[in-house]
Amino acid sequence: MSRHAEYDRTTVIASATAVFWDKGYGKTSVGDLVAATGLQPGSLYAAFGNKKGLFLEVLEQYNQEFIATVRSLRAGEGASIGKIHGLLEQIVDKAAAGEANRGCLTVNALLEVSQHDADIANRLNGYNAELRKAFAWIIKDAQAEGDVPADRNANELASLVINNIWGMRVMCKSRPDRASLEAIVTGVVCALRH
């Protein structure tokens, strides 16, 4: 008779996320993951294959949550340009509260692992494409509302927004002052409007 898993997969992934985010992929050991998740090495390997398999699931969860957040902005009340502005302000607020010092897990993975691992790079590129598409829809809404010029390429503008979000999250690792981040937000919104 086979044994059933006696753990909550969501909790394990959340615990592993914290470890990978704090230490990075390369410096995270299986021992670190065992300590954080409470699973024995054999259970970790049975559930995820290996450390990379667990990391891929962590990245999946992390990225899909952010993509869902961006997609949900379309359903909210108010001007679409304001929705993008509000999302950028949330990053500023988290940085000001000291909640963003680890940066962005996706950006950290891009910088640390993607140039050495095609699997991870391809996965991150896929998330980026989904995120770009989600922002492009909001930008198209803003164009229809008259807040972004209709002749601008929504996909290019979406890339501009994403790259500035990533830049802000990298800056968060150095604990920047609020004014520096606010200047980026202002620049992005101005770039969208003109």
C-alpha atoms as a PDB file:
ATOM      1  CA  MET A   1       0.000   0.000   0.000  1.00  0.00           C
ATOM      2  CA  SER A   2       1.406   3.400  -0.979  1.00  0.00           C
ATOM      3  CA  ARG A   3       1.697   6.209   1.553  1.00  0.00           C
ATOM      4  CA  HIS A   4      -0.034   9.488   0.860  1.00  0.00           C
ATOM      5  CA  ALA A   5       1.785  12.770   1.248  1.00  0.00           C
ATOM      6  CA  GLU A   6       1.265  14.143   4.743  1.00  0.00           C
ATOM      7  CA  TYR A   7       2.093  17.767   4.065  1.00  0.00           C
ATOM      8  CA  ASP A   8       0.442  20.824   2.620  1.00  0.00           C
ATOM      9  CA  ARG A   9       2.095  21.530  -0.731  1.00  0.00           C
ATOM     10  CA  THR A  10       1.153  25.224  -0.606  1.00  0.00           C
ATOM     11  CA  THR A  11       2.797  25.603   2.809  1.00  0.00           C
ATOM     12  CA  VAL A  12       5.923  23.778   1.635  1.00  0.00           C
ATOM     13  CA  ILE A  13       6.195  26.047  -1.411  1.00  0.00           C
ATOM     14  CA  ALA A  14       5.693  29.152   0.748  1.00  0.00           C
ATOM     15  CA  SER A  15       8.421  27.996   3.149  1.00  0.00           C
ATOM     16  CA  ALA A  16      10.779  27.203   0.278  1.00  0.00           C
ATOM     17  CA  THR A  17      10.023  30.591  -1.296  1.00  0.00           C
ATOM     18  CA  ALA A  18      11.256  32.356   1.832  1.00  0.00           C
ATOM     19  CA  VAL A  19      14.509  30.372   1.807  1.00  0.00           C
ATOM     20  CA  PHE A  20      15.214  30.857  -1.904  1.00  0.00           C
ATOM     21  CA  TRP A  21      14.366  34.555  -1.624  1.00  0.00           C
ATOM     22  CA  ASP A  22      16.648  35.064   1.379  1.00  0.00           C
ATOM     23  CA  LYS A  23      19.613  32.962   0.243  1.00  0.00           C
ATOM     24  CA  GLY A  24      19.289  32.717  -3.524  1.00  0.00           C
ATOM     25  CA  TYR A  25      19.108  29.495  -5.491  1.00  0.00           C
ATOM     26  CA  GLY A  26      22.818  28.676  -5.447  1.00  0.00           C
ATOM     27  CA  LYS A  27      23.312  29.194  -1.723  1.00  0.00           C
ATOM     28  CA  THR A  28      20.195  27.283  -0.705  1.00  0.00           C
ATOM     29  CA  SER A  29      21.004  23.730   0.315  1.00  0.00           C
ATOM     30  CA  VAL A  30      18.665  20.781   0.585  1.00  0.00           C
ATOM     31  CA  GLY A  31      19.356  20.989   4.328  1.00  0.00           C
ATOM     32  CA  ASP A  32      18.035  24.567   4.343  1.00  0.00           C
ATOM     33  CA  LEU A  33      14.895  23.413   2.549  1.00  0.00           C
ATOM     34  CA  VAL A  34      14.441  20.471   4.938  1.00  0.00           C
ATOM     35  CA  ALA A  35      14.740  22.820   7.918  1.00  0.00           C
ATOM     36  CA  ALA A  36      12.289  25.335   6.445  1.00  0.00           C
ATOM     37  CA  THR A  37       9.669  22.907   5.176  1.00  0.00           C
ATOM     38  CA  GLY A  38       9.824  20.188   7.790  1.00  0.00           C
ATOM     39  CA  LEU A  39      10.035  17.546   5.047  1.00  0.00           C
ATOM     40  CA  GLN A  40      12.778  14.958   4.992  1.00  0.00           C
ATOM     41  CA  PRO A  41      15.091  14.913   1.948  1.00  0.00           C
ATOM     42  CA  GLY A  42      13.393  11.798   0.537  1.00  0.00           C
ATOM     43  CA  SER A  43       9.991  13.472   0.763  1.00  0.00           C
ATOM     44  CA  LEU A  44      11.303  16.614  -0.924  1.00  0.00           C
ATOM     45  CA  TYR A  45      12.773  14.564  -3.763  1.00  0.00           C
ATOM     46  CA  ALA A  46       9.601  12.465  -4.087  1.00  0.00           C
ATOM     47  CA  ALA A  47       7.417  15.578  -4.242  1.00  0.00           C
ATOM     48  CA  PHE A  48       9.551  17.859  -6.410  1.00  0.00           C
ATOM     49  CA  GLY A  49      12.235  15.707  -8.047  1.00  0.00           C
ATOM     50  CA  ASN A  50      15.134  17.827  -6.845  1.00  0.00           C
ATOM     51  CA  LYS A  51      16.024  21.311  -5.621  1.00  0.00           C
ATOM     52  CA  LYS A  52      15.524  22.741  -9.099  1.00  0.00           C
ATOM     53  CA  GLY A  53      12.072  21.176  -9.355  1.00  0.00           C
ATOM     54  CA  LEU A  54      11.066  22.855  -6.112  1.00  0.00           C
ATOM     55  CA  PHE A  55      12.578  26.151  -7.285  1.00  0.00           C
ATOM     56  CA  LEU A  56      10.584  25.949 -10.523  1.00  0.00           C
ATOM     57  CA  GLU A  57       7.385  25.486  -8.513  1.00  0.00           C
ATOM     58  CA  VAL A  58       8.333  28.421  -6.299  1.00  0.00           C
ATOM     59  CA  LEU A  59       8.864  30.580  -9.382  1.00  0.00           C
ATOM     60  CA  GLU A  60       5.569  29.390 -10.855  1.00  0.00           C
ATOM     61  CA  GLN A  61       3.619  30.311  -7.725  1.00  0.00           C
ATOM     62  CA  TYR A  62       5.378  33.655  -7.272  1.00  0.00           C
ATOM     63  CA  ASN A  63       4.967  34.741 -10.882  1.00  0.00           C
ATOM     64  CA  GLN A  64       1.404  33.546 -11.328  1.00  0.00           C
ATOM     65  CA  GLU A  65       0.376  35.488  -8.216  1.00  0.00           C
ATOM     66  CA  PHE A  66       1.828  38.727  -9.614  1.00  0.00           C
ATOM     67  CA  ILE A  67       0.408  38.101 -13.087  1.00  0.00           C
ATOM     68  CA  ALA A  68      -3.021  37.492 -11.524  1.00  0.00           C
ATOM     69  CA  THR A  69      -2.682  40.742  -9.571  1.00  0.00           C
ATOM     70  CA  VAL A  70      -1.948  42.671 -12.758  1.00  0.00           C
ATOM     71  CA  ARG A  71      -4.780  40.962 -14.645  1.00  0.00           C
ATOM     72  CA  SER A  72      -7.207  41.771 -11.828  1.00  0.00           C
ATOM     73  CA  LEU A  73      -6.461  45.482 -12.194  1.00  0.00           C
ATOM     74  CA  ARG A  74      -8.631  45.590 -15.318  1.00  0.00           C
ATOM     75  CA  ALA A  75     -11.728  44.687 -13.292  1.00  0.00           C
ATOM     76  CA  GLY A  76     -11.160  47.444 -10.738  1.00  0.00           C
ATOM     77  CA  GLU A  77     -12.778  50.839 -10.690  1.00  0.00           C
ATOM     78  CA  GLY A  78     -11.104  53.940 -12.039  1.00  0.00           C
ATOM     79  CA  ALA A  79      -8.877  55.001 -14.887  1.00  0.00           C
ATOM     80  CA  SER A  80      -6.474  52.394 -16.238  1.00  0.00           C
ATOM     81  CA  ILE A  81      -3.483  54.742 -16.010  1.00  0.00           C
ATOM     82  CA  GLY A  82      -4.364  55.193 -12.342  1.00  0.00           C
ATOM     83  CA  LYS A  83      -4.340  51.430 -11.857  1.00  0.00           C
ATOM     84  CA  ILE A  84      -0.780  51.203 -13.151  1.00  0.00           C
ATOM     85  CA  HIS A  85       0.183  54.212 -11.046  1.00  0.00           C
ATOM     86  CA  GLY A  86      -1.381  52.569  -7.986  1.00  0.00           C
ATOM     87  CA  LEU A  87       0.535  49.333  -8.541  1.00  0.00           C
ATOM     88  CA  LEU A  88       3.808  51.258  -8.800  1.00  0.00           C
ATOM     89  CA  GLU A  89       2.927  53.157  -5.610  1.00  0.00           C
ATOM     90  CA  GLN A  90       2.427  49.841  -3.815  1.00  0.00           C
ATOM     91  CA  ILE A  91       6.054  48.997  -4.587  1.00  0.00           C
ATOM     92  CA  VAL A  92       7.108  52.382  -3.211  1.00  0.00           C
ATOM     93  CA  ASP A  93       5.010  51.856  -0.075  1.00  0.00           C
ATOM     94  CA  LYS A  94       6.490  48.397   0.538  1.00  0.00           C
ATOM     95  CA  ALA A  95       9.989  49.780   0.088  1.00  0.00           C
ATOM     96  CA  ALA A  96       9.290  52.657   2.480  1.00  0.00           C
ATOM     97  CA  ALA A  97       7.981  50.165   5.044  1.00  0.00           C
ATOM     98  CA  GLY A  98      11.125  48.018   4.692  1.00  0.00           C
ATOM     99  CA  GLU A  99       9.145  45.121   3.185  1.00  0.00           C
ATOM    100  CA  ALA A 100      10.944  44.999  -0.168  1.00  0.00           C
ATOM    101  CA  ASN A 101      14.595  44.675   0.848  1.00  0.00           C
ATOM    102  CA  ARG A 102      14.934  41.228  -0.723  1.00  0.00           C
ATOM    103  CA  GLY A 103      14.091  42.642  -4.139  1.00  0.00           C
ATOM    104  CA  CYS A 104      12.034  40.596  -6.578  1.00  0.00           C
ATOM    105  CA  LEU A 105      12.385  36.824  -6.607  1.00  0.00           C
ATOM    106  CA  THR A 106      11.999  36.782 -10.398  1.00  0.00           C
ATOM    107  CA  VAL A 107      14.653  39.428 -10.945  1.00  0.00           C
ATOM    108  CA  ASN A 108      16.940  37.701  -8.452  1.00  0.00           C
ATOM    109  CA  ALA A 109      16.519  34.448 -10.400  1.00  0.00           C
ATOM    110  CA  LEU A 110      17.126  36.216 -13.713  1.00  0.00           C
ATOM    111  CA  LEU A 111      20.367  37.656 -12.420  1.00  0.00           C
ATOM    112  CA  GLU A 112      21.612  34.593 -10.562  1.00  0.00           C
ATOM    113  CA  VAL A 113      20.469  31.527 -12.464  1.00  0.00           C
ATOM    114  CA  SER A 114      18.987  32.192 -15.900  1.00  0.00           C
ATOM    115  CA  GLN A 115      22.272  32.659 -17.744  1.00  0.00           C
ATOM    116  CA  HIS A 116      23.419  29.209 -16.567  1.00  0.00           C
ATOM    117  CA  ASP A 117      20.152  27.280 -16.811  1.00  0.00           C
ATOM    118  CA  ALA A 118      18.085  27.336 -19.999  1.00  0.00           C
ATOM    119  CA  ASP A 119      15.103  25.692 -18.272  1.00  0.00           C
ATOM    120  CA  ILE A 120      14.824  28.471 -15.725  1.00  0.00           C
ATOM    121  CA  ALA A 121      15.550  31.157 -18.332  1.00  0.00           C
ATOM    122  CA  ASN A 122      12.792  29.843 -20.601  1.00  0.00           C
ATOM    123  CA  ARG A 123      10.349  29.689 -17.718  1.00  0.00           C
ATOM    124  CA  LEU A 124      11.171  33.269 -16.692  1.00  0.00           C
ATOM    125  CA  ASN A 125      10.842  34.457 -20.292  1.00  0.00           C
ATOM    126  CA  GLY A 126       7.409  32.843 -20.433  1.00  0.00           C
ATOM    127  CA  TYR A 127       6.303  34.647 -17.274  1.00  0.00           C
ATOM    128  CA  ASN A 128       7.624  37.895 -18.706  1.00  0.00           C
ATOM    129  CA  ALA A 129       5.545  37.378 -21.863  1.00  0.00           C
ATOM    130  CA  GLU A 130       2.400  36.724 -19.791  1.00  0.00           C
ATOM    131  CA  LEU A 131       3.066  39.785 -17.674  1.00  0.00           C
ATOM    132  CA  ARG A 132       3.711  41.947 -20.738  1.00  0.00           C
ATOM    133  CA  LYS A 133       0.404  40.801 -22.226  1.00  0.00           C
ATOM    134  CA  ALA A 134      -1.444  41.624 -18.983  1.00  0.00           C
ATOM    135  CA  PHE A 135       0.028  45.125 -18.847  1.00  0.00           C
ATOM    136  CA  ALA A 136      -0.589  45.636 -22.573  1.00  0.00           C
ATOM    137  CA  TRP A 137      -4.314  45.078 -22.029  1.00  0.00           C
ATOM    138  CA  ILE A 138      -4.390  47.700 -19.289  1.00  0.00           C
ATOM    139  CA  ILE A 139      -2.466  50.098 -21.521  1.00  0.00           C
ATOM    140  CA  LYS A 140      -4.915  49.454 -24.377  1.00  0.00           C
ATOM    141  CA  ASP A 141      -7.714  50.299 -21.928  1.00  0.00           C
ATOM    142  CA  ALA A 142      -5.868  53.515 -21.045  1.00  0.00           C
ATOM    143  CA  GLN A 143      -5.572  54.284 -24.747  1.00  0.00           C
ATOM    144  CA  ALA A 144      -9.324  53.804 -25.193  1.00  0.00           C
ATOM    145  CA  GLU A 145      -9.860  56.117 -22.212  1.00  0.00           C
ATOM    146  CA  GLY A 146      -7.681  58.797 -23.833  1.00  0.00           C
ATOM    147  CA  ASP A 147      -4.921  58.733 -21.180  1.00  0.00           C
ATOM    148  CA  VAL A 148      -2.278  57.094 -23.384  1.00  0.00           C
ATOM    149  CA  PRO A 149      -1.847  58.132 -27.029  1.00  0.00           C
ATOM    150  CA  ALA A 150      -3.560  55.620 -29.299  1.00  0.00           C
ATOM    151  CA  ASP A 151      -0.659  55.552 -31.761  1.00  0.00           C
ATOM    152  CA  ARG A 152       1.764  54.149 -29.154  1.00  0.00           C
ATOM    153  CA  ASN A 153       2.587  50.432 -29.201  1.00  0.00           C
ATOM    154  CA  ALA A 154       0.949  48.889 -26.113  1.00  0.00           C
ATOM    155  CA  ASN A 155       3.418  45.986 -25.992  1.00  0.00           C
ATOM    156  CA  GLU A 156       6.403  48.340 -26.009  1.00  0.00           C
ATOM    157  CA  LEU A 157       4.831  50.430 -23.267  1.00  0.00           C
ATOM    158  CA  ALA A 158       4.112  47.277 -21.278  1.00  0.00           C
ATOM    159  CA  SER A 159       7.804  46.375 -21.528  1.00  0.00           C
ATOM    160  CA  LEU A 160       8.681  49.860 -20.293  1.00  0.00           C
ATOM    161  CA  VAL A 161       6.450  49.381 -17.245  1.00  0.00           C
ATOM    162  CA  ILE A 162       7.816  45.909 -16.476  1.00  0.00           C
ATOM    163  CA  ASN A 163      11.440  46.973 -16.795  1.00  0.00           C
ATOM    164  CA  ASN A 164      10.847  49.901 -14.483  1.00  0.00           C
ATOM    165  CA  ILE A 165       9.139  47.632 -11.950  1.00  0.00           C
ATOM    166  CA  TRP A 166      12.140  45.324 -12.086  1.00  0.00           C
ATOM    167  CA  GLY A 167      14.489  48.276 -11.714  1.00  0.00           C
ATOM    168  CA  MET A 168      12.562  49.542  -8.712  1.00  0.00           C
ATOM    169  CA  ARG A 169      12.698  46.110  -7.120  1.00  0.00           C
ATOM    170  CA  VAL A 170      16.444  45.886  -7.646  1.00  0.00           C
ATOM    171  CA  MET A 171      16.800  49.335  -6.090  1.00  0.00           C
ATOM    172  CA  CYS A 172      14.749  48.156  -3.110  1.00  0.00           C
ATOM    173  CA  LYS A 173      17.622  45.860  -2.150  1.00  0.00           C
ATOM    174  CA  SER A 174      19.694  48.949  -1.354  1.00  0.00           C
ATOM    175  CA  ARG A 175      16.894  50.598   0.684  1.00  0.00           C
ATOM    176  CA  PRO A 176      16.486  53.734  -1.451  1.00  0.00           C
ATOM    177  CA  ASP A 177      14.754  56.833  -0.205  1.00  0.00           C
ATOM    178  CA  ARG A 178      11.097  57.230  -1.096  1.00  0.00           C
ATOM    179  CA  ALA A 179      11.758  60.265  -3.308  1.00  0.00           C
ATOM    180  CA  SER A 180      14.017  58.232  -5.625  1.00  0.00           C
ATOM    181  CA  LEU A 181      11.326  55.625  -6.166  1.00  0.00           C
ATOM    182  CA  GLU A 182       8.593  58.260  -6.534  1.00  0.00           C
ATOM    183  CA  ALA A 183      10.662  59.860  -9.292  1.00  0.00           C
ATOM    184  CA  ILE A 184      10.628  56.572 -11.200  1.00  0.00           C
ATOM    185  CA  VAL A 185       6.856  56.273 -10.773  1.00  0.00           C
ATOM    186  CA  THR A 186       6.391  59.802 -12.065  1.00  0.00           C
ATOM    187  CA  GLY A 187       8.679  59.085 -15.012  1.00  0.00           C
ATOM    188  CA  VAL A 188       6.793  55.924 -15.970  1.00  0.00           C
ATOM    189  CA  VAL A 189       3.388  57.596 -15.806  1.00  0.00           C
ATOM    190  CA  CYS A 190       4.692  60.559 -17.836  1.00  0.00           C
ATOM    191  CA  ALA A 191       6.198  58.213 -20.412  1.00  0.00           C
ATOM    192  CA  LEU A 192       2.875  56.434 -20.775  1.00  0.00           C
ATOM    193  CA  ARG A 193       0.919  59.674 -21.165  1.00  0.00           C
ATOM    194  CA  HIS A 194       3.169  61.239 -23.827  1.00  0.00           C
END
